[in-house]
C-alpha atoms as a PDB file:
ATOM      1  CA  MET A   1      21.755  14.284 -10.516  1.00  0.00           C
ATOM      2  CA  LYS A   2      20.952  13.713  -6.760  1.00  0.00           C
ATOM      3  CA  ASN A   3      18.602  11.007  -5.346  1.00  0.00           C
ATOM      4  CA  THR A   4      15.115  11.396  -6.779  1.00  0.00           C
ATOM      5  CA  SER A   5      13.472   8.314  -5.468  1.00  0.00           C
ATOM      6  CA  PHE A   6      13.618   8.831  -1.526  1.00  0.00           C
ATOM      7  CA  PRO A   7      14.881  11.774   0.355  1.00  0.00           C
ATOM      8  CA  LEU A   8      15.943  10.272   3.650  1.00  0.00           C
ATOM      9  CA  SER A   9      19.554   9.703   2.666  1.00  0.00           C
ATOM     10  CA  GLU A  10      19.633  13.507   1.928  1.00  0.00           C
ATOM     11  CA  LEU A  11      19.155  14.279   5.583  1.00  0.00           C
ATOM     12  CA  ASP A  12      22.884  14.453   6.310  1.00  0.00           C
ATOM     13  CA  TYR A  13      23.401  18.202   5.738  1.00  0.00           C
ATOM     14  CA  THR A  14      27.127  17.868   6.339  1.00  0.00           C
ATOM     15  CA  THR A  15      27.774  16.371   3.008  1.00  0.00           C
ATOM     16  CA  TYR A  16      27.109  19.676   1.223  1.00  0.00           C
ATOM     17  CA  ASN A  17      29.603  22.363   0.620  1.00  0.00           C
ATOM     18  CA  TYR A  18      29.118  25.774   2.207  1.00  0.00           C
ATOM     19  CA  THR A  19      30.537  29.158   1.562  1.00  0.00           C
ATOM     20  CA  ASP A  20      30.812  30.317   5.198  1.00  0.00           C
ATOM     21  CA  GLU A  21      29.813  29.201   8.706  1.00  0.00           C
ATOM     22  CA  ASP A  22      26.635  31.210   8.830  1.00  0.00           C
ATOM     23  CA  GLU A  23      25.361  29.392   5.882  1.00  0.00           C
ATOM     24  CA  LYS A  24      26.144  26.105   7.425  1.00  0.00           C
ATOM     25  CA  SER A  25      24.361  27.228  10.648  1.00  0.00           C
ATOM     26  CA  THR A  26      21.325  28.200   8.622  1.00  0.00           C
ATOM     27  CA  TYR A  27      21.249  24.834   6.929  1.00  0.00           C
ATOM     28  CA  SER A  28      21.739  23.088  10.290  1.00  0.00           C
ATOM     29  CA  SER A  29      18.746  24.729  11.811  1.00  0.00           C
ATOM     30  CA  ILE A  30      16.584  23.893   8.917  1.00  0.00           C
ATOM     31  CA  TYR A  31      17.859  20.405   8.854  1.00  0.00           C
ATOM     32  CA  ASN A  32      16.848  19.972  12.522  1.00  0.00           C
ATOM     33  CA  ILE A  33      13.434  21.418  12.007  1.00  0.00           C
ATOM     34  CA  VAL A  34      12.664  19.124   8.939  1.00  0.00           C
ATOM     35  CA  LYS A  35      14.080  16.125  10.910  1.00  0.00           C
ATOM     36  CA  ILE A  36      11.874  16.905  14.020  1.00  0.00           C
ATOM     37  CA  LEU A  37       8.748  17.552  11.910  1.00  0.00           C
ATOM     38  CA  ASN A  38       9.353  14.333   9.866  1.00  0.00           C
ATOM     39  CA  ILE A  39       9.687  12.153  12.949  1.00  0.00           C
ATOM     40  CA  ILE A  40       6.464  13.759  14.417  1.00  0.00           C
ATOM     41  CA  LEU A  41       4.457  13.213  11.183  1.00  0.00           C
ATOM     42  CA  TYR A  42       5.749   9.862  10.542  1.00  0.00           C
ATOM     43  CA  SER A  43       4.884   8.799  14.176  1.00  0.00           C
ATOM     44  CA  ILE A  44       1.232  10.124  13.469  1.00  0.00           C
ATOM     45  CA  ILE A  45       1.075   8.145  10.151  1.00  0.00           C
ATOM     46  CA  PHE A  46       2.168   5.076  11.951  1.00  0.00           C
ATOM     47  CA  ILE A  47      -0.315   5.372  14.880  1.00  0.00           C
ATOM     48  CA  LEU A  48      -3.353   6.446  12.837  1.00  0.00           C
ATOM     49  CA  GLY A  49      -2.528   4.021   9.871  1.00  0.00           C
ATOM     50  CA  THR A  50      -2.098   0.949  11.920  1.00  0.00           C
ATOM     51  CA  THR A  51      -4.930   1.573  14.197  1.00  0.00           C
ATOM     52  CA  GLY A  52      -7.457   2.588  11.390  1.00  0.00           C
ATOM     53  CA  ASN A  53      -6.274   0.038   8.841  1.00  0.00           C
ATOM     54  CA  GLY A  54      -5.935  -2.784  11.377  1.00  0.00           C
ATOM     55  CA  LEU A  55      -9.528  -2.071  12.541  1.00  0.00           C
ATOM     56  CA  VAL A  56     -10.777  -2.301   8.856  1.00  0.00           C
ATOM     57  CA  ILE A  57      -8.707  -5.529   8.354  1.00  0.00           C
ATOM     58  CA  TRP A  58     -10.235  -7.080  11.530  1.00  0.00           C
ATOM     59  CA  ILE A  59     -13.848  -6.162  10.642  1.00  0.00           C
ATOM     60  CA  ALA A  60     -13.588  -6.873   6.871  1.00  0.00           C
ATOM     61  CA  GLY A  61     -11.550  -9.885   7.201  1.00  0.00           C
ATOM     62  CA  PHE A  62     -12.955 -11.690  10.311  1.00  0.00           C
ATOM     63  CA  LYS A  63     -16.465 -10.182  10.960  1.00  0.00           C
ATOM     64  CA  MET A  64     -18.055  -9.702   7.623  1.00  0.00           C
ATOM     65  CA  GLN A  65     -19.300 -11.910   4.771  1.00  0.00           C
ATOM     66  CA  LYS A  66     -16.728 -11.526   1.824  1.00  0.00           C
ATOM     67  CA  THR A  67     -18.787  -9.556  -0.703  1.00  0.00           C
ATOM     68  CA  VAL A  68     -17.011  -7.868  -3.682  1.00  0.00           C
ATOM     69  CA  SER A  69     -16.906  -4.306  -1.757  1.00  0.00           C
ATOM     70  CA  VAL A  70     -15.575  -5.871   1.337  1.00  0.00           C
ATOM     71  CA  LEU A  71     -12.765  -7.630  -0.598  1.00  0.00           C
ATOM     72  CA  TRP A  72     -11.828  -4.287  -2.304  1.00  0.00           C
ATOM     73  CA  PHE A  73     -11.604  -2.468   1.167  1.00  0.00           C
ATOM     74  CA  LEU A  74      -9.916  -5.575   2.685  1.00  0.00           C
ATOM     75  CA  ASN A  75      -7.054  -5.515   0.144  1.00  0.00           C
ATOM     76  CA  LEU A  76      -6.700  -1.683   0.250  1.00  0.00           C
ATOM     77  CA  ALA A  77      -6.479  -1.794   4.051  1.00  0.00           C
ATOM     78  CA  ILE A  78      -3.855  -4.599   3.906  1.00  0.00           C
ATOM     79  CA  ALA A  79      -1.784  -2.580   1.453  1.00  0.00           C
ATOM     80  CA  ASP A  80      -1.997   0.555   3.749  1.00  0.00           C
ATOM     81  CA  PHE A  81      -1.320  -1.438   6.921  1.00  0.00           C
ATOM     82  CA  VAL A  82       1.743  -3.189   5.570  1.00  0.00           C
ATOM     83  CA  PHE A  83       3.033   0.298   4.266  1.00  0.00           C
ATOM     84  CA  ASP A  84       2.310   1.804   7.899  1.00  0.00           C
ATOM     85  CA  ILE A  85       4.054  -0.801   9.856  1.00  0.00           C
ATOM     86  CA  ILE A  86       7.287   0.029   8.066  1.00  0.00           C
ATOM     87  CA  PHE A  87       7.311   3.534   9.535  1.00  0.00           C
ATOM     88  CA  PRO A  88       9.299   2.700  12.657  1.00  0.00           C
ATOM     89  CA  LEU A  89      12.252   1.698  10.604  1.00  0.00           C
ATOM     90  CA  LEU A  90      11.994   5.009   8.617  1.00  0.00           C
ATOM     91  CA  ILE A  91      11.589   6.931  12.027  1.00  0.00           C
ATOM     92  CA  THR A  92      14.874   5.232  13.321  1.00  0.00           C
ATOM     93  CA  GLU A  93      16.632   6.188  10.132  1.00  0.00           C
ATOM     94  CA  LEU A  94      15.403   9.869  10.688  1.00  0.00           C
ATOM     95  CA  ILE A  95      16.627   9.753  14.184  1.00  0.00           C
ATOM     96  CA  MET A  96      20.044   8.517  13.053  1.00  0.00           C
ATOM     97  CA  ASP A  97      20.366  11.334  10.371  1.00  0.00           C
ATOM     98  CA  GLY A  98      19.629   9.121   7.435  1.00  0.00           C
ATOM     99  CA  HIS A  99      21.974   6.355   8.522  1.00  0.00           C
ATOM    100  CA  TRP A 100      20.828   2.948   7.867  1.00  0.00           C
ATOM    101  CA  PRO A 101      21.472   0.231  10.732  1.00  0.00           C
ATOM    102  CA  PHE A 102      19.280  -2.555   9.423  1.00  0.00           C
ATOM    103  CA  GLY A 103      21.680  -4.177   6.786  1.00  0.00           C
ATOM    104  CA  ASN A 104      21.421  -4.503   2.963  1.00  0.00           C
ATOM    105  CA  THR A 105      18.596  -7.067   2.613  1.00  0.00           C
ATOM    106  CA  MET A 106      16.255  -4.854   4.825  1.00  0.00           C
ATOM    107  CA  CYS A 107      17.260  -1.801   2.779  1.00  0.00           C
ATOM    108  CA  LYS A 108      16.017  -3.591  -0.356  1.00  0.00           C
ATOM    109  CA  VAL A 109      12.937  -5.159   1.198  1.00  0.00           C
ATOM    110  CA  VAL A 110      11.674  -2.187   3.038  1.00  0.00           C
ATOM    111  CA  PHE A 111      11.842   0.375   0.148  1.00  0.00           C
ATOM    112  CA  THR A 112      10.533  -2.294  -2.210  1.00  0.00           C
ATOM    113  CA  ILE A 113       7.400  -2.785   0.008  1.00  0.00           C
ATOM    114  CA  LEU A 114       6.916   0.887   0.368  1.00  0.00           C
ATOM    115  CA  PHE A 115       6.606   1.404  -3.354  1.00  0.00           C
ATOM    116  CA  LEU A 116       4.656  -1.855  -3.806  1.00  0.00           C
ATOM    117  CA  ASN A 117       2.115  -0.858  -1.400  1.00  0.00           C
ATOM    118  CA  MET A 118       1.756   2.676  -2.647  1.00  0.00           C
ATOM    119  CA  SER A 119       1.131   1.162  -6.057  1.00  0.00           C
ATOM    120  CA  VAL A 120      -1.408  -1.401  -4.749  1.00  0.00           C
ATOM    121  CA  SER A 121      -3.211   1.254  -2.650  1.00  0.00           C
ATOM    122  CA  THR A 122      -3.800   3.594  -5.665  1.00  0.00           C
ATOM    123  CA  SER A 123      -4.744   0.608  -7.829  1.00  0.00           C
ATOM    124  CA  PHE A 124      -7.458  -0.481  -5.485  1.00  0.00           C
ATOM    125  CA  LEU A 125      -8.796   3.162  -5.137  1.00  0.00           C
ATOM    126  CA  MET A 126      -9.103   3.045  -8.957  1.00  0.00           C
ATOM    127  CA  ILE A 127     -10.895  -0.381  -8.929  1.00  0.00           C
ATOM    128  CA  ILE A 128     -13.290   0.743  -6.212  1.00  0.00           C
ATOM    129  CA  SER A 129     -14.175   3.712  -8.396  1.00  0.00           C
ATOM    130  CA  VAL A 130     -14.870   1.489 -11.474  1.00  0.00           C
ATOM    131  CA  ASP A 131     -16.922  -0.877  -9.349  1.00  0.00           C
ATOM    132  CA  ARG A 132     -19.152   1.897  -8.110  1.00  0.00           C
ATOM    133  CA  CYS A 133     -19.417   3.290 -11.715  1.00  0.00           C
ATOM    134  CA  ILE A 134     -20.481  -0.079 -13.097  1.00  0.00           C
ATOM    135  CA  ALA A 135     -22.975  -0.670 -10.242  1.00  0.00           C
ATOM    136  CA  ILE A 136     -24.672   2.660 -10.958  1.00  0.00           C
ATOM    137  CA  MET A 137     -24.526   2.781 -14.778  1.00  0.00           C
ATOM    138  CA  CYS A 138     -25.182  -0.948 -15.328  1.00  0.00           C
ATOM    139  CA  PRO A 139     -26.998  -2.219 -12.122  1.00  0.00           C
ATOM    140  CA  VAL A 140     -28.368  -5.325 -13.545  1.00  0.00           C
ATOM    141  CA  TRP A 141     -25.197  -6.396 -15.352  1.00  0.00           C
ATOM    142  CA  SER A 142     -23.350  -5.656 -12.154  1.00  0.00           C
ATOM    143  CA  LYS A 143     -25.571  -7.785 -10.002  1.00  0.00           C
ATOM    144  CA  ASN A 144     -25.385 -10.735 -12.394  1.00  0.00           C
ATOM    145  CA  HIS A 145     -21.659 -10.789 -13.010  1.00  0.00           C
ATOM    146  CA  LYS A 146     -19.941  -9.356  -9.800  1.00  0.00           C
ATOM    147  CA  SER A 147     -18.778 -12.243  -7.593  1.00  0.00           C
ATOM    148  CA  PRO A 148     -16.331 -12.699  -4.697  1.00  0.00           C
ATOM    149  CA  LYS A 149     -14.311 -14.997  -6.921  1.00  0.00           C
ATOM    150  CA  LEU A 150     -13.949 -12.422  -9.656  1.00  0.00           C
ATOM    151  CA  ALA A 151     -12.936  -9.938  -7.165  1.00  0.00           C
ATOM    152  CA  THR A 152     -10.318 -12.283  -5.699  1.00  0.00           C
ATOM    153  CA  THR A 153      -8.892 -12.921  -9.141  1.00  0.00           C
ATOM    154  CA  ILE A 154      -8.745  -9.230  -9.959  1.00  0.00           C
ATOM    155  CA  SER A 155      -7.100  -8.536  -6.613  1.00  0.00           C
ATOM    156  CA  ALA A 156      -4.482 -11.218  -7.313  1.00  0.00           C
ATOM    157  CA  ILE A 157      -3.807  -9.583 -10.823  1.00  0.00           C
ATOM    158  CA  ILE A 158      -3.447  -6.278  -9.203  1.00  0.00           C
ATOM    159  CA  TRP A 159      -0.927  -7.363  -6.435  1.00  0.00           C
ATOM    160  CA  THR A 160       0.993  -9.398  -9.129  1.00  0.00           C
ATOM    161  CA  THR A 161       1.298  -6.441 -11.543  1.00  0.00           C
ATOM    162  CA  CYS A 162       2.240  -3.859  -8.807  1.00  0.00           C
ATOM    163  CA  PHE A 163       4.885  -6.423  -7.540  1.00  0.00           C
ATOM    164  CA  MET A 164       6.279  -6.564 -11.130  1.00  0.00           C
ATOM    165  CA  LEU A 165       6.358  -2.703 -11.298  1.00  0.00           C
ATOM    166  CA  SER A 166       7.954  -2.334  -8.027  1.00  0.00           C
ATOM    167  CA  SER A 167      10.576  -5.027  -8.411  1.00  0.00           C
ATOM    168  CA  PRO A 168      13.428  -2.843  -9.781  1.00  0.00           C
ATOM    169  CA  TYR A 169      13.578  -0.966  -6.471  1.00  0.00           C
ATOM    170  CA  PHE A 170      14.699  -4.290  -4.956  1.00  0.00           C
ATOM    171  CA  ALA A 171      17.659  -4.279  -7.384  1.00  0.00           C
ATOM    172  CA  PHE A 172      18.424  -0.500  -7.218  1.00  0.00           C
ATOM    173  CA  PHE A 173      18.351   0.109  -3.552  1.00  0.00           C
ATOM    174  CA  GLU A 174      21.625  -0.747  -1.825  1.00  0.00           C
ATOM    175  CA  MET A 175      23.284  -0.020   1.505  1.00  0.00           C
ATOM    176  CA  VAL A 176      26.322   2.074   0.771  1.00  0.00           C
ATOM    177  CA  HIS A 177      29.007   3.205   3.267  1.00  0.00           C
ATOM    178  CA  TYR A 178      30.461   6.638   3.065  1.00  0.00           C
ATOM    179  CA  GLY A 179      33.759   7.611   4.904  1.00  0.00           C
ATOM    180  CA  ASP A 180      36.875   5.877   6.057  1.00  0.00           C
ATOM    181  CA  ASN A 181      36.868   2.191   6.712  1.00  0.00           C
ATOM    182  CA  GLU A 182      37.027   2.796  10.458  1.00  0.00           C
ATOM    183  CA  THR A 183      34.268   5.501  10.439  1.00  0.00           C
ATOM    184  CA  SER A 184      32.176   4.715   7.535  1.00  0.00           C
ATOM    185  CA  ILE A 185      28.503   5.385   7.785  1.00  0.00           C
ATOM    186  CA  PRO A 186      25.731   3.266   6.026  1.00  0.00           C
ATOM    187  CA  TYR A 187      23.178   4.871   3.885  1.00  0.00           C
ATOM    188  CA  CYS A 188      20.211   3.096   2.149  1.00  0.00           C
ATOM    189  CA  ILE A 189      20.042   4.753  -1.287  1.00  0.00           C
ATOM    190  CA  ASP A 190      19.032   4.223  -4.804  1.00  0.00           C
ATOM    191  CA  THR A 191      22.274   3.305  -6.766  1.00  0.00           C
ATOM    192  CA  TYR A 192      20.802   2.647 -10.189  1.00  0.00           C
ATOM    193  CA  ALA A 193      24.142   2.740 -11.948  1.00  0.00           C
ATOM    194  CA  ASP A 194      26.967   4.584 -10.085  1.00  0.00           C
ATOM    195  CA  ASP A 195      29.604   3.549 -12.510  1.00  0.00           C
ATOM    196  CA  ASP A 196      27.776   5.043 -15.505  1.00  0.00           C
ATOM    197  CA  GLU A 197      26.148   8.569 -15.043  1.00  0.00           C
ATOM    198  CA  ASP A 198      24.306   8.420 -18.237  1.00  0.00           C
ATOM    199  CA  LYS A 199      22.809   5.041 -17.518  1.00  0.00           C
ATOM    200  CA  GLN A 200      21.946   6.290 -14.050  1.00  0.00           C
ATOM    201  CA  ILE A 201      20.080   9.160 -15.211  1.00  0.00           C
ATOM    202  CA  MET A 202      18.343   7.180 -17.854  1.00  0.00           C
ATOM    203  CA  ARG A 203      17.186   4.622 -15.207  1.00  0.00           C
ATOM    204  CA  ILE A 204      16.002   7.317 -12.822  1.00  0.00           C
ATOM    205  CA  GLN A 205      13.993   9.012 -15.543  1.00  0.00           C
ATOM    206  CA  ILE A 206      12.324   5.798 -16.609  1.00  0.00           C
ATOM    207  CA  MET A 207      11.426   4.816 -12.997  1.00  0.00           C
ATOM    208  CA  ILE A 208       9.956   8.325 -12.246  1.00  0.00           C
ATOM    209  CA  ILE A 209       7.890   8.309 -15.479  1.00  0.00           C
ATOM    210  CA  VAL A 210       6.717   4.686 -15.037  1.00  0.00           C
ATOM    211  CA  ARG A 211       5.670   5.560 -11.559  1.00  0.00           C
ATOM    212  CA  LEU A 212       3.908   8.768 -12.617  1.00  0.00           C
ATOM    213  CA  ILE A 213       1.871   6.867 -15.350  1.00  0.00           C
ATOM    214  CA  SER A 214       1.060   3.734 -13.383  1.00  0.00           C
ATOM    215  CA  MET A 215       0.438   5.259  -9.785  1.00  0.00           C
ATOM    216  CA  PHE A 216      -1.023   8.648 -10.682  1.00  0.00           C
ATOM    217  CA  LEU A 217      -1.940   9.486 -14.396  1.00  0.00           C
ATOM    218  CA  VAL A 218      -3.804   6.133 -15.178  1.00  0.00           C
ATOM    219  CA  PRO A 219      -5.561   5.745 -11.735  1.00  0.00           C
ATOM    220  CA  PHE A 220      -6.501   9.458 -11.416  1.00  0.00           C
ATOM    221  CA  SER A 221      -7.839   9.586 -14.970  1.00  0.00           C
ATOM    222  CA  ILE A 222     -10.073   6.590 -14.493  1.00  0.00           C
ATOM    223  CA  ILE A 223     -11.220   7.839 -11.121  1.00  0.00           C
ATOM    224  CA  VAL A 224     -12.197  11.090 -12.508  1.00  0.00           C
ATOM    225  CA  ILE A 225     -14.022   9.526 -15.504  1.00  0.00           C
ATOM    226  CA  CYS A 226     -15.894   7.100 -13.312  1.00  0.00           C
ATOM    227  CA  TYR A 227     -17.083   9.704 -10.879  1.00  0.00           C
ATOM    228  CA  SER A 228     -17.974  12.113 -13.641  1.00  0.00           C
ATOM    229  CA  LEU A 229     -20.226   9.452 -15.133  1.00  0.00           C
ATOM    230  CA  ILE A 230     -21.872   8.932 -11.905  1.00  0.00           C
ATOM    231  CA  VAL A 231     -22.475  12.602 -11.348  1.00  0.00           C
ATOM    232  CA  PHE A 232     -23.773  12.773 -14.877  1.00  0.00           C
ATOM    233  CA  ARG A 233     -26.296   9.930 -14.265  1.00  0.00           C
ATOM    234  CA  LEU A 234     -27.398  11.592 -10.995  1.00  0.00           C
ATOM    235  CA  ARG A 235     -27.875  14.976 -12.464  1.00  0.00           C
ATOM    236  CA  ARG A 236     -29.909  13.339 -15.258  1.00  0.00           C
ATOM    237  CA  SER A 237     -32.015  11.563 -12.792  1.00  0.00           C
ATOM    238  CA  ARG A 238     -32.199  14.741 -10.617  1.00  0.00           C
ATOM    239  CA  SER A 239     -30.942  12.787  -7.700  1.00  0.00           C
ATOM    240  CA  LEU A 240     -28.478  15.474  -6.657  1.00  0.00           C
ATOM    241  CA  SER A 241     -31.267  17.950  -6.282  1.00  0.00           C
ATOM    242  CA  LYS A 242     -32.837  15.751  -3.571  1.00  0.00           C
ATOM    243  CA  SER A 243     -29.444  15.265  -1.659  1.00  0.00           C
ATOM    244  CA  ASN A 244     -25.995  16.720  -2.201  1.00  0.00           C
ATOM    245  CA  ARG A 245     -24.441  13.912  -0.180  1.00  0.00           C
ATOM    246  CA  PRO A 246     -23.329  11.792  -3.049  1.00  0.00           C
ATOM    247  CA  LEU A 247     -21.606  14.794  -4.750  1.00  0.00           C
ATOM    248  CA  LYS A 248     -19.914  15.548  -1.452  1.00  0.00           C
ATOM    249  CA  VAL A 249     -18.490  12.049  -1.287  1.00  0.00           C
ATOM    250  CA  ILE A 250     -17.256  12.086  -4.975  1.00  0.00           C
ATOM    251  CA  VAL A 251     -15.602  15.549  -4.529  1.00  0.00           C
ATOM    252  CA  THR A 252     -13.843  14.468  -1.308  1.00  0.00           C
ATOM    253  CA  ILE A 253     -12.596  11.134  -2.884  1.00  0.00           C
ATOM    254  CA  VAL A 254     -11.194  12.849  -6.036  1.00  0.00           C
ATOM    255  CA  LEU A 255      -9.585  15.791  -4.139  1.00  0.00           C
ATOM    256  CA  CYS A 256      -7.961  13.527  -1.503  1.00  0.00           C
ATOM    257  CA  PHE A 257      -6.404  11.354  -4.277  1.00  0.00           C
ATOM    258  CA  PHE A 258      -5.272  14.514  -6.232  1.00  0.00           C
ATOM    259  CA  CYS A 259      -3.855  16.401  -3.257  1.00  0.00           C
ATOM    260  CA  PHE A 260      -1.905  13.591  -1.765  1.00  0.00           C
ATOM    261  CA  TRP A 261      -0.412  12.119  -5.002  1.00  0.00           C
ATOM    262  CA  PHE A 262      -0.020  15.038  -7.416  1.00  0.00           C
ATOM    263  CA  PRO A 263       2.910  16.789  -5.370  1.00  0.00           C
ATOM    264  CA  PHE A 264       4.483  13.287  -4.765  1.00  0.00           C
ATOM    265  CA  HIS A 265       4.751  12.488  -8.452  1.00  0.00           C
ATOM    266  CA  VAL A 266       5.264  15.873 -10.063  1.00  0.00           C
ATOM    267  CA  TRP A 267       8.136  17.120  -7.774  1.00  0.00           C
ATOM    268  CA  PRO A 268      10.549  14.388  -9.116  1.00  0.00           C
ATOM    269  CA  LEU A 269       9.776  15.516 -12.650  1.00  0.00           C
ATOM    270  CA  LEU A 270      11.267  18.902 -11.803  1.00  0.00           C
ATOM    271  CA  GLU A 271      14.370  17.160 -10.749  1.00  0.00           C
ATOM    272  CA  ILE A 272      14.926  15.060 -13.686  1.00  0.00           C
ATOM    273  CA  MET A 273      14.238  18.127 -16.038  1.00  0.00           C
ATOM    274  CA  ASN A 274      17.248  19.805 -14.119  1.00  0.00           C
ATOM    275  CA  VAL A 275      15.225  22.705 -12.841  1.00  0.00           C
ATOM    276  CA  GLU A 276      17.580  24.782 -10.702  1.00  0.00           C
ATOM    277  CA  LEU A 277      16.110  25.276  -7.144  1.00  0.00           C
ATOM    278  CA  ASP A 278      17.382  26.894  -4.078  1.00  0.00           C
ATOM    279  CA  PHE A 279      18.948  24.268  -1.758  1.00  0.00           C
ATOM    280  CA  ILE A 280      16.590  25.172   1.087  1.00  0.00           C
ATOM    281  CA  VAL A 281      13.510  24.951  -0.976  1.00  0.00           C
ATOM    282  CA  ASP A 282      14.642  21.810  -2.778  1.00  0.00           C
ATOM    283  CA  PHE A 283      15.457  20.196   0.851  1.00  0.00           C
ATOM    284  CA  ILE A 284      12.095  21.047   2.362  1.00  0.00           C
ATOM    285  CA  MET A 285       9.943  20.365  -0.689  1.00  0.00           C
ATOM    286  CA  SER A 286      11.644  16.839  -1.260  1.00  0.00           C
ATOM    287  CA  HIS A 287      10.551  15.827   2.266  1.00  0.00           C
ATOM    288  CA  LEU A 288       7.206  17.556   2.203  1.00  0.00           C
ATOM    289  CA  VAL A 289       5.793  15.965  -0.874  1.00  0.00           C
ATOM    290  CA  TYR A 290       6.689  12.558   0.326  1.00  0.00           C
ATOM    291  CA  THR A 291       5.146  13.041   3.746  1.00  0.00           C
ATOM    292  CA  ILE A 292       1.895  14.296   2.070  1.00  0.00           C
ATOM    293  CA  GLY A 293       1.813  11.230  -0.115  1.00  0.00           C
ATOM    294  CA  PHE A 294       2.335   8.855   2.929  1.00  0.00           C
ATOM    295  CA  PHE A 295      -0.555  10.390   4.742  1.00  0.00           C
ATOM    296  CA  ASN A 296      -2.850   8.821   2.208  1.00  0.00           C
ATOM    297  CA  SER A 297      -2.369   5.473   3.779  1.00  0.00           C
ATOM    298  CA  CYS A 298      -3.873   6.608   7.141  1.00  0.00           C
ATOM    299  CA  VAL A 299      -6.534   8.901   5.632  1.00  0.00           C
ATOM    300  CA  ASN A 300      -8.682   6.023   3.770  1.00  0.00           C
ATOM    301  CA  PRO A 301     -10.189   4.655   6.953  1.00  0.00           C
ATOM    302  CA  MET A 302     -11.332   8.194   8.122  1.00  0.00           C
ATOM    303  CA  VAL A 303     -12.872   8.673   4.696  1.00  0.00           C
ATOM    304  CA  TYR A 304     -14.708   5.435   4.847  1.00  0.00           C
ATOM    305  CA  VAL A 305     -16.188   6.448   8.273  1.00  0.00           C
ATOM    306  CA  PHE A 306     -16.865  10.258   8.138  1.00  0.00           C
ATOM    307  CA  VAL A 307     -17.381  11.517   4.609  1.00  0.00           C
ATOM    308  CA  GLY A 308     -21.010  12.068   3.819  1.00  0.00           C
ATOM    309  CA  ARG A 309     -22.269  11.493   7.334  1.00  0.00           C
ATOM    310  CA  ASP A 310     -23.322  13.821  10.063  1.00  0.00           C
ATOM    311  CA  PHE A 311     -20.182  13.821  12.089  1.00  0.00           C
ATOM    312  CA  LYS A 312     -21.970  14.419  15.430  1.00  0.00           C
ATOM    313  CA  LYS A 313     -24.088  11.398  15.063  1.00  0.00           C
ATOM    314  CA  SER A 314     -21.185   9.346  13.847  1.00  0.00           C
ATOM    315  CA  PHE A 315     -19.148  10.381  16.813  1.00  0.00           C
ATOM    316  CA  PHE A 316     -21.416   8.727  19.239  1.00  0.00           C
ATOM    317  CA  LYS A 317     -21.452   5.467  17.399  1.00  0.00           C
ATOM    318  CA  SER A 318     -18.738   2.760  18.166  1.00  0.00           C
ATOM    319  CA  ILE A 319     -16.159   2.657  15.580  1.00  0.00           C
ATOM    320  CA  PRO A 320     -16.198  -0.924  15.049  1.00  0.00           C
ATOM    321  CA  PHE A 321     -20.056  -0.828  14.451  1.00  0.00           C
ATOM    322  CA  LEU A 322     -19.736   2.172  12.268  1.00  0.00           C
ATOM    323  CA  LEU A 323     -16.980   0.598  10.025  1.00  0.00           C
ATOM    324  CA  GLU A 324     -18.880  -2.686   9.682  1.00  0.00           C
ATOM    325  CA  ASN A 325     -21.943  -0.720   8.801  1.00  0.00           C
ATOM    326  CA  THR A 326     -19.888   1.247   6.290  1.00  0.00           C
ATOM    327  CA  LEU A 327     -18.472  -1.703   4.480  1.00  0.00           C
ATOM    328  CA  LYS A 328     -21.710  -3.645   4.033  1.00  0.00           C
ATOM    329  CA  GLU A 329     -22.888  -4.030   0.445  1.00  0.00           C
ATOM    330  CA  LYS A 330     -26.744  -4.074   0.076  1.00  0.00           C
ATOM    331  CA  ASP A 331     -28.437  -6.106  -2.746  1.00  0.00           C
ATOM    332  CA  VAL A 332     -28.987  -3.958  -5.838  1.00  0.00           C
ATOM    333  CA  SER A 333     -32.499  -5.591  -6.085  1.00  0.00           C
ATOM    334  CA  GLU A 334     -33.608  -3.787  -2.789  1.00  0.00           C
ATOM    335  CA  THR A 335     -32.759  -0.334  -4.417  1.00  0.00           C
ATOM    336  CA  GLU A 336     -34.464  -0.763  -7.792  1.00  0.00           C
ATOM    337  CA  PRO A 337     -37.803   0.996  -6.851  1.00  0.00           C
ATOM    338  CA  ARG A 338     -35.822   4.214  -6.087  1.00  0.00           C
ATOM    339  CA  PHE A 339     -32.583   3.462  -8.110  1.00  0.00           C
ATOM    340  CA  GLU A 340     -31.258   6.901  -8.852  1.00  0.00           C
ATOM    341  CA  GLN A 341     -31.131   8.080  -5.245  1.00  0.00           C
ATOM    342  CA  THR A 342     -30.726   4.989  -3.113  1.00  0.00           C
ATOM    343  CA  MET A 343     -28.401   3.114  -5.400  1.00  0.00           C
ATOM    344  CA  MET A 344     -25.949   5.970  -5.033  1.00  0.00           C
ATOM    345  CA  GLU A 345     -26.401   5.875  -1.260  1.00  0.00           C
ATOM    346  CA  THR A 346     -25.868   2.071  -1.217  1.00  0.00           C
ATOM    347  CA  GLU A 347     -22.846   2.130  -3.518  1.00  0.00           C
ATOM    348  CA  MET A 348     -21.068   5.122  -1.821  1.00  0.00           C
ATOM    349  CA  GLU A 349     -21.354   3.657   1.798  1.00  0.00           C
ATOM    350  CA  GLY A 350     -17.903   2.131   1.042  1.00  0.00           C
ATOM    351  CA  TYR A 351     -16.485   5.763   1.472  1.00  0.00           C
ATOM    352  CA  ASP A 352     -18.835   7.043   4.261  1.00  0.00           C
END
């Protein structure tokens, strides 16, 4: 079974056997195209992600009162920002054809942080949806029980749990040298159990299944349930007939989560099921699904700002002002006279 955790080490197409020179030339061309596209896309993720999430951290962390909603978005932005600042190392690895020049410790740390922050990011997206659902379904209870202290405690629990789920990557990722002693080339790969193929396969399957459940099935199910309850409440109160803005926000959030993370988690399942795929298709898709998932880290700030608003009006506002206005949490008591419509607008501001 080949590497199913991270595809960068597979960029060295020369390690495969070819039937003739034409086949090798074809693979070489595809390899170069995938390499260049990945470098471009990773650079875009790095620039957009660090800029957008850095702006959210600056405003939510230093310019605003620490309300519950602000703390959710601050933690989400921190997770995405830490994820994004690692991309220069991954870009360097791409440029060097999958070779890893940063040492064994960085190999372990970098890929552990990658999976840790992906897990944290999806967890906070789930928590934000639960918070919105509770605020709309049970506004009085939410007002009386929600507090920054509770949000801080929940945030600490999320980070700790995600760290525990991601810690095996620190043990399994190793810098391995291939080739002769004088010309050996270092790669950062997931070793699992090289000395025992059965144990290796079992560990790979466990990691992929745990990742699928904890980072996709559970969060996505909860997100869908929460927003379905919100839509049901609004339909019953006929708020959606007055404005379709809340529904657009909800659909965008759910679709973004599904489109970014479904391919990322489903593709490895095909590999552990030993589904036979053409090498070219396998090579391209292995990189594509990861790149799509990575883009989620730089899209979140854009969703906060632009979803559910008139883009032309938003465009002429300063981004710091718009983000600060987006993250503000209004008092539930201000919305009670027109609960069904204005409560949704207030609670969904975190995604606008």
